[in-house]
């Protein structure tokens, strides 16, 4: 006999068992504890990626192919700014 409600099937040690589907989990953000040098490295890596993607986008002749590459460059630049801002906040907290 199956339990009421939505079910999922999972393999047990012997045979097949039925369990009810669990409630959706709330995945809370885990704060990252990065050092100043790690934040700087991450920002530099994002800046380098943004620069390389900008160069690649300039070389593309097809505008429809250029758009996704330009978007990647913009996302990398925004992420670099976030790492740099986190580094500044961290420096101010340690004063």
N, C-alpha and C. Protein backbone atom coordinates (compact mmCIF):
# COMPACT_ATOMS: atom_id res chain seq x y z
N UNK A 1 0.83 -1.18 0.00
CA UNK A 1 0.00 0.00 0.00
C UNK A 1 0.88 1.24 0.00
N UNK A 2 0.54 2.22 -0.83
CA UNK A 2 1.32 3.44 -0.95
C UNK A 2 0.85 4.48 0.05
N UNK A 3 1.76 5.29 0.57
CA UNK A 3 1.35 6.37 1.46
C UNK A 3 0.63 7.45 0.67
N UNK A 4 -0.14 8.26 1.38
CA UNK A 4 -0.86 9.35 0.73
C UNK A 4 0.10 10.47 0.35
N UNK A 5 -0.25 11.24 -0.65
CA UNK A 5 0.57 12.37 -1.08
C UNK A 5 1.56 11.95 -2.14
N UNK A 6 2.34 12.90 -2.64
CA UNK A 6 3.33 12.59 -3.68
C UNK A 6 4.40 11.66 -3.13
N UNK A 7 4.82 10.72 -3.94
CA UNK A 7 5.80 9.73 -3.51
C UNK A 7 6.99 9.73 -4.44
N UNK A 8 8.10 9.33 -3.91
CA UNK A 8 9.28 9.08 -4.71
C UNK A 8 9.74 7.67 -4.42
N UNK A 9 10.30 7.06 -5.42
CA UNK A 9 10.76 5.69 -5.24
C UNK A 9 12.26 5.72 -5.03
N UNK A 10 12.72 4.99 -4.04
CA UNK A 10 14.16 4.92 -3.81
C UNK A 10 14.53 3.47 -3.57
N UNK A 11 15.74 3.13 -3.92
CA UNK A 11 16.23 1.77 -3.79
C UNK A 11 16.66 1.52 -2.35
N UNK A 12 16.11 0.51 -1.74
CA UNK A 12 16.50 0.13 -0.38
C UNK A 12 17.46 -1.06 -0.48
N UNK A 13 17.94 -1.52 0.65
CA UNK A 13 18.87 -2.65 0.65
C UNK A 13 18.25 -3.89 0.02
N UNK A 14 16.98 -4.13 0.30
CA UNK A 14 16.33 -5.29 -0.30
C UNK A 14 15.00 -4.85 -0.91
N UNK A 15 14.89 -4.92 -2.21
CA UNK A 15 13.66 -4.54 -2.86
C UNK A 15 13.53 -3.04 -3.04
N UNK A 16 12.32 -2.63 -3.35
CA UNK A 16 12.05 -1.22 -3.59
C UNK A 16 11.13 -0.70 -2.52
N UNK A 17 11.44 0.47 -1.98
CA UNK A 17 10.64 1.08 -0.93
C UNK A 17 10.05 2.37 -1.45
N UNK A 18 8.94 2.80 -0.85
CA UNK A 18 8.32 4.07 -1.19
C UNK A 18 8.39 4.99 0.00
N UNK A 19 8.75 6.23 -0.28
CA UNK A 19 8.79 7.25 0.78
C UNK A 19 8.03 8.47 0.27
N UNK A 20 7.52 9.24 1.19
CA UNK A 20 6.84 10.47 0.77
C UNK A 20 7.89 11.51 0.42
N UNK A 21 7.54 12.36 -0.52
CA UNK A 21 8.45 13.43 -0.92
C UNK A 21 8.57 14.44 0.21
N UNK A 22 9.78 14.85 0.50
CA UNK A 22 10.01 15.81 1.58
C UNK A 22 9.61 17.21 1.19
N UNK A 23 9.51 18.06 2.17
CA UNK A 23 9.22 19.47 1.91
C UNK A 23 10.41 20.10 1.21
N UNK A 24 10.16 21.11 0.40
CA UNK A 24 11.30 21.79 -0.24
C UNK A 24 12.19 22.44 0.81
N UNK A 25 13.48 22.35 0.58
CA UNK A 25 14.43 22.94 1.53
C UNK A 25 14.64 24.41 1.21
N UNK A 26 14.90 25.16 2.22
CA UNK A 26 15.33 26.54 2.04
C UNK A 26 16.85 26.54 2.12
N UNK A 27 17.47 26.77 1.01
CA UNK A 27 18.93 26.82 0.99
C UNK A 27 19.37 28.24 1.29
N UNK A 28 19.85 28.43 2.49
CA UNK A 28 20.29 29.75 2.91
C UNK A 28 21.70 29.99 2.41
N UNK A 29 22.00 31.24 2.14
CA UNK A 29 23.34 31.58 1.67
C UNK A 29 24.35 31.36 2.79
N UNK A 30 25.42 30.71 2.44
CA UNK A 30 26.48 30.49 3.40
C UNK A 30 27.50 31.61 3.23
N UNK A 31 27.78 32.35 4.28
CA UNK A 31 28.74 33.45 4.13
C UNK A 31 30.13 32.90 3.84
N UNK A 32 30.78 33.49 2.86
CA UNK A 32 32.14 33.10 2.54
C UNK A 32 33.11 33.86 3.42
N UNK A 33 34.07 33.19 3.89
CA UNK A 33 35.10 33.84 4.70
C UNK A 33 36.40 33.80 3.91
N UNK A 34 36.56 34.80 3.04
CA UNK A 34 37.73 34.88 2.20
C UNK A 34 38.70 35.90 2.77
N UNK A 35 39.96 35.59 2.66
CA UNK A 35 40.99 36.53 3.12
C UNK A 35 41.12 37.66 2.10
N UNK A 36 41.83 38.69 2.50
CA UNK A 36 42.05 39.84 1.63
C UNK A 36 42.72 39.41 0.33
N UNK A 37 43.71 38.55 0.42
CA UNK A 37 44.43 38.11 -0.78
C UNK A 37 43.55 37.24 -1.67
N UNK A 38 42.66 36.45 -1.07
CA UNK A 38 41.73 35.64 -1.87
C UNK A 38 40.72 36.51 -2.60
N UNK A 39 40.23 37.55 -1.94
CA UNK A 39 39.32 38.48 -2.60
C UNK A 39 40.02 39.21 -3.75
N UNK A 40 41.26 39.61 -3.51
CA UNK A 40 42.02 40.28 -4.55
C UNK A 40 42.26 39.35 -5.74
N UNK A 41 42.60 38.11 -5.46
CA UNK A 41 42.84 37.13 -6.52
C UNK A 41 41.58 36.88 -7.33
N UNK A 42 40.46 36.74 -6.66
CA UNK A 42 39.19 36.50 -7.34
C UNK A 42 38.82 37.71 -8.22
N UNK A 43 39.04 38.92 -7.70
CA UNK A 43 38.74 40.12 -8.48
C UNK A 43 39.63 40.19 -9.71
N UNK A 44 40.91 39.88 -9.54
CA UNK A 44 41.83 39.91 -10.69
C UNK A 44 41.45 38.88 -11.74
N UNK A 45 41.06 37.69 -11.28
CA UNK A 45 40.66 36.63 -12.21
C UNK A 45 39.43 37.06 -13.00
N UNK A 46 38.48 37.69 -12.33
CA UNK A 46 37.27 38.16 -13.02
C UNK A 46 37.60 39.28 -13.99
N UNK A 47 38.50 40.18 -13.61
CA UNK A 47 38.91 41.26 -14.51
C UNK A 47 39.60 40.68 -15.75
N UNK A 48 40.45 39.67 -15.54
CA UNK A 48 41.14 39.04 -16.67
C UNK A 48 40.14 38.35 -17.60
N UNK A 49 39.17 37.66 -17.03
CA UNK A 49 38.14 37.01 -17.84
C UNK A 49 37.34 38.04 -18.62
N UNK A 50 36.97 39.14 -17.98
CA UNK A 50 36.21 40.19 -18.66
C UNK A 50 37.02 40.76 -19.83
N UNK A 51 38.30 40.98 -19.62
CA UNK A 51 39.16 41.52 -20.68
C UNK A 51 39.25 40.54 -21.85
N UNK A 52 39.48 39.27 -21.55
CA UNK A 52 39.59 38.26 -22.61
C UNK A 52 38.29 38.12 -23.39
N UNK A 53 37.17 38.16 -22.69
CA UNK A 53 35.87 38.04 -23.36
C UNK A 53 35.58 39.27 -24.22
N UNK A 54 35.99 40.44 -23.76
CA UNK A 54 35.82 41.66 -24.56
C UNK A 54 36.62 41.56 -25.86
N UNK A 55 37.85 41.06 -25.76
CA UNK A 55 38.66 40.88 -26.96
C UNK A 55 38.02 39.88 -27.91
N UNK A 56 37.51 38.79 -27.36
CA UNK A 56 36.87 37.77 -28.19
C UNK A 56 35.62 38.33 -28.86
N UNK A 57 34.87 39.16 -28.14
CA UNK A 57 33.65 39.74 -28.71
C UNK A 57 33.99 40.70 -29.85
N UNK A 58 35.07 41.45 -29.71
CA UNK A 58 35.46 42.39 -30.77
C UNK A 58 35.82 41.66 -32.06
N UNK A 59 36.38 40.45 -31.92
CA UNK A 59 36.81 39.68 -33.09
C UNK A 59 35.64 39.02 -33.82
N UNK A 60 34.50 38.91 -33.14
CA UNK A 60 33.34 38.26 -33.75
C UNK A 60 32.71 39.19 -34.78
N UNK A 61 32.49 38.67 -35.96
CA UNK A 61 31.85 39.48 -37.00
C UNK A 61 30.34 39.38 -36.94
N UNK A 62 29.82 38.25 -36.47
CA UNK A 62 28.38 38.02 -36.41
C UNK A 62 27.83 38.64 -35.12
N UNK A 63 26.98 39.67 -35.23
CA UNK A 63 26.45 40.33 -34.03
C UNK A 63 25.64 39.40 -33.12
N UNK A 64 24.96 38.42 -33.70
CA UNK A 64 24.17 37.51 -32.86
C UNK A 64 25.07 36.61 -32.03
N UNK A 65 26.27 36.35 -32.48
CA UNK A 65 27.23 35.54 -31.71
C UNK A 65 28.00 36.41 -30.72
N UNK A 66 28.08 37.69 -31.00
CA UNK A 66 28.83 38.61 -30.14
C UNK A 66 28.09 38.88 -28.83
N UNK A 67 26.77 38.91 -28.86
CA UNK A 67 25.98 39.26 -27.68
C UNK A 67 26.26 38.42 -26.45
N UNK A 68 26.20 37.08 -26.57
CA UNK A 68 26.47 36.25 -25.38
C UNK A 68 27.88 36.44 -24.82
N UNK A 69 28.84 36.67 -25.69
CA UNK A 69 30.23 36.87 -25.23
C UNK A 69 30.34 38.21 -24.49
N UNK A 70 29.67 39.23 -25.02
CA UNK A 70 29.67 40.53 -24.35
C UNK A 70 28.98 40.43 -22.99
N UNK A 71 27.91 39.65 -22.92
CA UNK A 71 27.21 39.46 -21.64
C UNK A 71 28.11 38.77 -20.61
N UNK A 72 28.89 37.80 -21.06
CA UNK A 72 29.83 37.13 -20.16
C UNK A 72 30.87 38.12 -19.64
N UNK A 73 31.35 38.98 -20.52
CA UNK A 73 32.33 39.99 -20.12
C UNK A 73 31.73 40.94 -19.08
N UNK A 74 30.48 41.34 -19.30
CA UNK A 74 29.82 42.25 -18.35
C UNK A 74 29.61 41.56 -17.00
N UNK A 75 29.19 40.31 -17.02
CA UNK A 75 28.98 39.59 -15.75
C UNK A 75 30.29 39.43 -14.99
N UNK A 76 31.37 39.15 -15.71
CA UNK A 76 32.67 39.01 -15.05
C UNK A 76 33.12 40.34 -14.44
N UNK A 77 32.87 41.43 -15.15
CA UNK A 77 33.25 42.75 -14.63
C UNK A 77 32.43 43.11 -13.39
N UNK A 78 31.14 42.79 -13.41
CA UNK A 78 30.28 43.05 -12.24
C UNK A 78 30.74 42.21 -11.05
N UNK A 79 31.08 40.96 -11.31
CA UNK A 79 31.55 40.09 -10.23
C UNK A 79 32.86 40.60 -9.66
N UNK A 80 33.74 41.09 -10.52
CA UNK A 80 35.00 41.67 -10.04
C UNK A 80 34.72 42.87 -9.13
N UNK A 81 33.77 43.70 -9.51
CA UNK A 81 33.40 44.85 -8.67
C UNK A 81 32.87 44.40 -7.31
N UNK A 82 32.11 43.32 -7.31
CA UNK A 82 31.59 42.80 -6.04
C UNK A 82 32.71 42.29 -5.15
N UNK A 83 33.68 41.60 -5.74
CA UNK A 83 34.82 41.14 -4.94
C UNK A 83 35.63 42.32 -4.41
N UNK A 84 35.81 43.35 -5.24
CA UNK A 84 36.55 44.52 -4.79
C UNK A 84 35.81 45.26 -3.68
N UNK A 85 34.49 45.35 -3.79
CA UNK A 85 33.70 45.99 -2.74
C UNK A 85 33.77 45.20 -1.45
N UNK A 86 33.73 43.88 -1.55
CA UNK A 86 33.83 43.03 -0.36
C UNK A 86 35.21 43.19 0.28
N UNK A 87 36.22 43.35 -0.54
CA UNK A 87 37.58 43.55 -0.01
C UNK A 87 37.67 44.87 0.74
N UNK A 88 37.05 45.92 0.19
CA UNK A 88 37.06 47.23 0.87
C UNK A 88 36.30 47.16 2.19
N UNK A 89 35.13 46.50 2.17
CA UNK A 89 34.35 46.36 3.42
C UNK A 89 35.14 45.58 4.46
N UNK A 90 35.83 44.54 4.01
CA UNK A 90 36.63 43.74 4.93
C UNK A 90 37.76 44.57 5.54
N UNK A 91 38.37 45.39 4.72
CA UNK A 91 39.46 46.24 5.21
C UNK A 91 38.95 47.24 6.23
N UNK A 92 37.76 47.81 6.00
CA UNK A 92 37.18 48.76 6.95
C UNK A 92 36.78 48.09 8.26
N UNK A 93 36.33 46.86 8.20
CA UNK A 93 35.94 46.15 9.42
C UNK A 93 37.11 45.82 10.31
N UNK A 94 38.29 45.67 9.70
CA UNK A 94 39.47 45.29 10.47
C UNK A 94 40.25 46.50 11.00
N UNK A 95 39.73 47.68 10.75
CA UNK A 95 40.43 48.89 11.28
C UNK A 95 40.13 49.11 12.74
